[in-house]
Amino acid sequence: MAVKLYDYPKSGNGYKVRLLLAHLAIPYRYLPLDILQGETRTQEFLARNPNGKIPVLELDDGRILAESNAILYWLAQNTPYWPAASFAQSQVLQWLFFEQYSHEPNIAAARFWISIRGLDGSALEAQQLEQKHRAGNAALAVMEQHLQERPFFVDDTYSIADIALYAYTHVAGAGGFELHRYPAVQAWLERVRSQPEHVRITDWQAG
């Protein structure tokens, strides 16, 4: 399989895909784009993804797949990262939906505002950040409760549910979240980091 991955190197959503590609030992060509410079709004990129967002996976036959968790789902089929039982599959999807609706919009946004874009110090922005912290901490509390009784999110087995949630959780501190408040989450982060062929979010090379 020869694929291309269009991505913003600091994106947790793109990192999810890079992490699974590394676990699966799938070679790919990495094409970094700078979202701050509008490189995902060009006609060339919009022809691949009219939504103008990364990551985008381009297969060797020209097919295009966008949305990070959809890409994870496709790559994980018939691998250890996607369970065989239908109920466990649904549980993985449950956590993928949780990640996109309750987790990523808050934790990733706070990280982006603070560590990538930089806050302008306005009262409105401070209020918005407080709202993101409140909702993001609520999501982390859900994860903390779940992980107190199990090593991974579904069936005690590392899956794309863990990959999806790890991507932005492990850098949540850059968004002002205090991960020491969540010891079960911290222990889980270490278990994810110990998986074979793990790569860091900073491990990328244009190709």
Protein backbone atom coordinates (compact mmCIF):
# COMPACT_ATOMS: atom_id res chain seq x y z
CA MET A 1 0.00 0.00 0.00
CA ALA A 2 1.43 3.37 -1.04
CA VAL A 3 -0.41 6.31 0.51
CA LYS A 4 0.01 10.04 0.94
CA LEU A 5 -0.88 11.82 4.16
CA TYR A 6 -1.69 15.53 4.01
CA ASP A 7 -1.34 16.93 7.51
CA TYR A 8 -0.44 19.85 9.77
CA PRO A 9 2.47 18.55 11.88
CA LYS A 10 1.15 19.98 15.16
CA SER A 11 -2.33 18.54 14.67
CA GLY A 12 -3.43 15.82 17.04
CA ASN A 13 -5.93 14.64 14.45
CA GLY A 14 -3.15 14.07 11.97
CA TYR A 15 -0.97 12.50 14.65
CA LYS A 16 -3.62 9.83 15.24
CA VAL A 17 -3.19 8.67 11.67
CA ARG A 18 0.62 8.80 11.80
CA LEU A 19 0.59 6.76 15.00
CA LEU A 20 -1.59 4.01 13.53
CA LEU A 21 0.43 3.96 10.29
CA ALA A 22 3.54 3.45 12.42
CA HIS A 23 1.94 0.62 14.40
CA LEU A 24 0.93 -1.06 11.15
CA ALA A 25 4.32 -0.46 9.49
CA ILE A 26 2.59 1.09 6.48
CA PRO A 27 4.93 3.31 4.45
CA TYR A 28 3.53 6.66 3.40
CA ARG A 29 4.54 9.97 1.92
CA TYR A 30 4.10 12.79 4.40
CA LEU A 31 2.95 16.13 2.97
CA PRO A 32 2.87 18.83 5.67
CA LEU A 33 0.60 21.83 5.19
CA ASP A 34 0.55 25.02 7.24
CA ILE A 35 -3.04 25.74 8.22
CA LEU A 36 -2.01 29.13 9.60
CA GLN A 37 -0.83 30.16 6.14
CA GLY A 38 -4.00 29.00 4.39
CA GLU A 39 -2.39 26.01 2.69
CA THR A 40 -5.54 23.91 3.18
CA ARG A 41 -7.65 26.56 1.41
CA THR A 42 -5.96 26.35 -1.97
CA GLN A 43 -7.85 25.07 -5.00
CA GLU A 44 -5.50 22.10 -5.20
CA PHE A 45 -6.21 20.99 -1.64
CA LEU A 46 -9.93 21.77 -1.77
CA ALA A 47 -10.17 19.45 -4.77
CA ARG A 48 -9.11 16.68 -2.39
CA ASN A 49 -11.18 17.79 0.59
CA PRO A 50 -13.79 20.48 -0.02
CA ASN A 51 -14.04 20.89 3.76
CA GLY A 52 -10.53 22.33 3.73
CA LYS A 53 -9.26 20.39 6.73
CA ILE A 54 -6.51 17.93 7.50
CA PRO A 55 -5.72 15.08 7.76
CA VAL A 56 -6.43 13.67 4.33
CA LEU A 57 -5.29 10.23 3.24
CA GLU A 58 -4.80 9.67 -0.49
CA LEU A 59 -4.58 6.05 -1.60
CA ASP A 60 -2.43 4.79 -4.45
CA ASP A 61 -5.54 4.35 -6.61
CA GLY A 62 -6.49 8.00 -6.14
CA ARG A 63 -9.27 7.53 -3.60
CA ILE A 64 -9.43 10.16 -0.88
CA LEU A 65 -10.44 9.74 2.75
CA ALA A 66 -10.82 12.64 5.18
CA GLU A 67 -11.76 12.91 8.89
CA SER A 68 -9.21 11.42 11.25
CA ASN A 69 -11.41 8.85 12.94
CA ALA A 70 -12.80 7.63 9.62
CA ILE A 71 -9.21 7.13 8.48
CA LEU A 72 -8.43 5.21 11.68
CA TYR A 73 -11.46 3.00 11.14
CA TRP A 74 -10.45 2.18 7.56
CA LEU A 75 -6.80 1.48 8.38
CA ALA A 76 -7.65 -0.67 11.42
CA GLN A 77 -9.86 -3.16 9.61
CA ASN A 78 -8.57 -6.76 9.97
CA THR A 79 -5.87 -5.64 12.41
CA PRO A 80 -5.52 -6.00 16.20
CA TYR A 81 -6.56 -2.36 16.57
CA TRP A 82 -10.17 -3.08 15.58
CA PRO A 83 -12.04 -5.71 17.63
CA ALA A 84 -13.80 -8.67 16.04
CA ALA A 85 -16.94 -8.68 18.20
CA SER A 86 -19.72 -6.36 17.10
CA PHE A 87 -20.43 -5.03 20.59
CA ALA A 88 -16.78 -4.18 21.15
CA GLN A 89 -16.74 -2.50 17.74
CA SER A 90 -19.67 -0.37 18.85
CA GLN A 91 -17.83 0.51 22.05
CA VAL A 92 -14.84 1.68 20.03
CA LEU A 93 -17.17 3.83 17.94
CA GLN A 94 -18.71 5.17 21.14
CA TRP A 95 -15.31 6.46 22.26
CA LEU A 96 -14.48 7.81 18.79
CA PHE A 97 -17.71 9.83 18.90
CA PHE A 98 -16.94 10.95 22.45
CA GLU A 99 -13.50 12.09 21.32
CA GLN A 100 -14.88 14.20 18.49
CA TYR A 101 -17.87 15.70 20.31
CA SER A 102 -16.82 16.06 23.98
CA HIS A 103 -13.02 15.82 24.06
CA GLU A 104 -11.32 17.23 20.97
CA PRO A 105 -13.44 20.41 20.55
CA ASN A 106 -12.39 21.51 24.04
CA ILE A 107 -8.93 20.11 24.74
CA ALA A 108 -7.58 20.64 21.23
CA ALA A 109 -9.06 24.14 21.00
CA ALA A 110 -7.46 25.25 24.27
CA ARG A 111 -4.08 23.90 23.14
CA PHE A 112 -4.40 25.65 19.78
CA TRP A 113 -5.34 28.98 21.31
CA ILE A 114 -2.56 28.94 23.92
CA SER A 115 0.35 27.09 22.31
CA ILE A 116 -0.08 27.53 18.57
CA ARG A 117 -2.02 30.69 17.81
CA GLY A 118 -1.40 32.56 21.06
CA LEU A 119 -4.13 34.35 22.99
CA ASP A 120 -4.65 38.06 22.50
CA GLY A 121 -5.53 38.66 26.15
CA SER A 122 -9.07 39.85 25.54
CA ALA A 123 -11.78 39.30 28.13
CA LEU A 124 -13.90 37.46 25.54
CA GLU A 125 -11.09 35.06 24.75
CA ALA A 126 -10.48 34.43 28.46
CA GLN A 127 -14.15 33.61 28.89
CA GLN A 128 -14.08 31.24 25.92
CA LEU A 129 -10.97 29.54 27.27
CA GLU A 130 -12.62 29.08 30.65
CA GLN A 131 -15.54 27.37 28.93
CA LYS A 132 -13.15 25.07 27.03
CA HIS A 133 -11.34 24.20 30.27
CA ARG A 134 -14.59 23.41 32.03
CA ALA A 135 -15.83 21.12 29.26
CA GLY A 136 -12.39 19.60 28.67
CA ASN A 137 -11.99 18.74 32.34
CA ALA A 138 -15.42 17.13 32.29
CA ALA A 139 -14.24 14.91 29.41
CA LEU A 140 -11.03 14.04 31.27
CA ALA A 141 -13.10 13.14 34.34
CA VAL A 142 -15.14 10.71 32.24
CA MET A 143 -11.93 9.12 31.01
CA GLU A 144 -10.49 9.00 34.52
CA GLN A 145 -13.51 7.14 35.86
CA HIS A 146 -13.48 4.64 33.00
CA LEU A 147 -9.74 3.95 33.22
CA GLN A 148 -9.72 3.36 36.96
CA GLU A 149 -10.96 -0.18 36.31
CA ARG A 150 -9.27 -1.12 33.03
CA PRO A 151 -5.97 -0.62 31.17
CA PHE A 152 -7.48 0.50 27.86
CA PHE A 153 -10.83 1.80 26.71
CA VAL A 154 -12.36 -1.34 25.18
CA ASP A 155 -11.95 -4.99 26.16
CA ASP A 156 -8.66 -4.34 28.00
CA THR A 157 -7.00 -4.14 24.59
CA TYR A 158 -5.20 -1.27 22.86
CA SER A 159 -7.34 -0.10 19.95
CA ILE A 160 -8.06 2.92 17.79
CA ALA A 161 -10.22 4.19 20.66
CA ASP A 162 -7.01 4.67 22.63
CA ILE A 163 -5.15 6.13 19.67
CA ALA A 164 -7.89 8.68 19.03
CA LEU A 165 -8.06 9.79 22.65
CA TYR A 166 -4.31 9.74 23.24
CA ALA A 167 -3.55 12.22 20.48
CA TYR A 168 -4.82 15.34 22.21
CA THR A 169 -4.83 14.05 25.80
CA HIS A 170 -1.07 13.61 25.96
CA VAL A 171 -0.53 17.26 24.97
CA ALA A 172 -3.41 18.64 27.03
CA GLY A 173 -0.95 20.36 29.35
CA ALA A 174 -0.11 22.72 26.49
CA GLY A 175 -3.72 23.86 26.67
CA GLY A 176 -3.63 24.58 30.37
CA PHE A 177 -5.07 21.28 31.62
CA GLU A 178 -3.57 19.80 34.79
CA LEU A 179 -3.15 16.12 34.00
CA HIS A 180 -1.80 15.33 37.47
CA ARG A 181 -5.41 15.58 38.62
CA TYR A 182 -6.14 12.41 36.61
CA PRO A 183 -3.80 9.60 37.78
CA ALA A 184 -5.61 6.84 35.90
CA VAL A 185 -5.36 8.87 32.71
CA GLN A 186 -1.65 9.44 33.34
CA ALA A 187 -1.06 5.72 33.84
CA TRP A 188 -2.95 5.00 30.61
CA LEU A 189 -0.82 7.55 28.75
CA GLU A 190 2.27 5.61 29.83
CA ARG A 191 0.74 2.34 28.62
CA VAL A 192 0.05 3.89 25.23
CA ARG A 193 3.59 5.25 25.01
CA SER A 194 4.94 1.75 25.73
CA GLN A 195 3.21 0.19 22.72
CA PRO A 196 5.46 -1.24 19.98
CA GLU A 197 6.38 1.17 17.19
CA HIS A 198 5.07 4.16 19.11
CA VAL A 199 5.98 7.52 17.57
CA ARG A 200 5.80 10.97 19.13
CA ILE A 201 3.75 13.83 17.74
CA THR A 202 7.03 15.54 16.85
CA ASP A 203 8.25 12.52 14.85
CA TRP A 204 7.55 13.50 11.27
CA GLN A 205 9.51 14.11 8.14
CA ALA A 206 8.33 15.58 4.86
CA GLY A 207 8.58 13.14 2.02
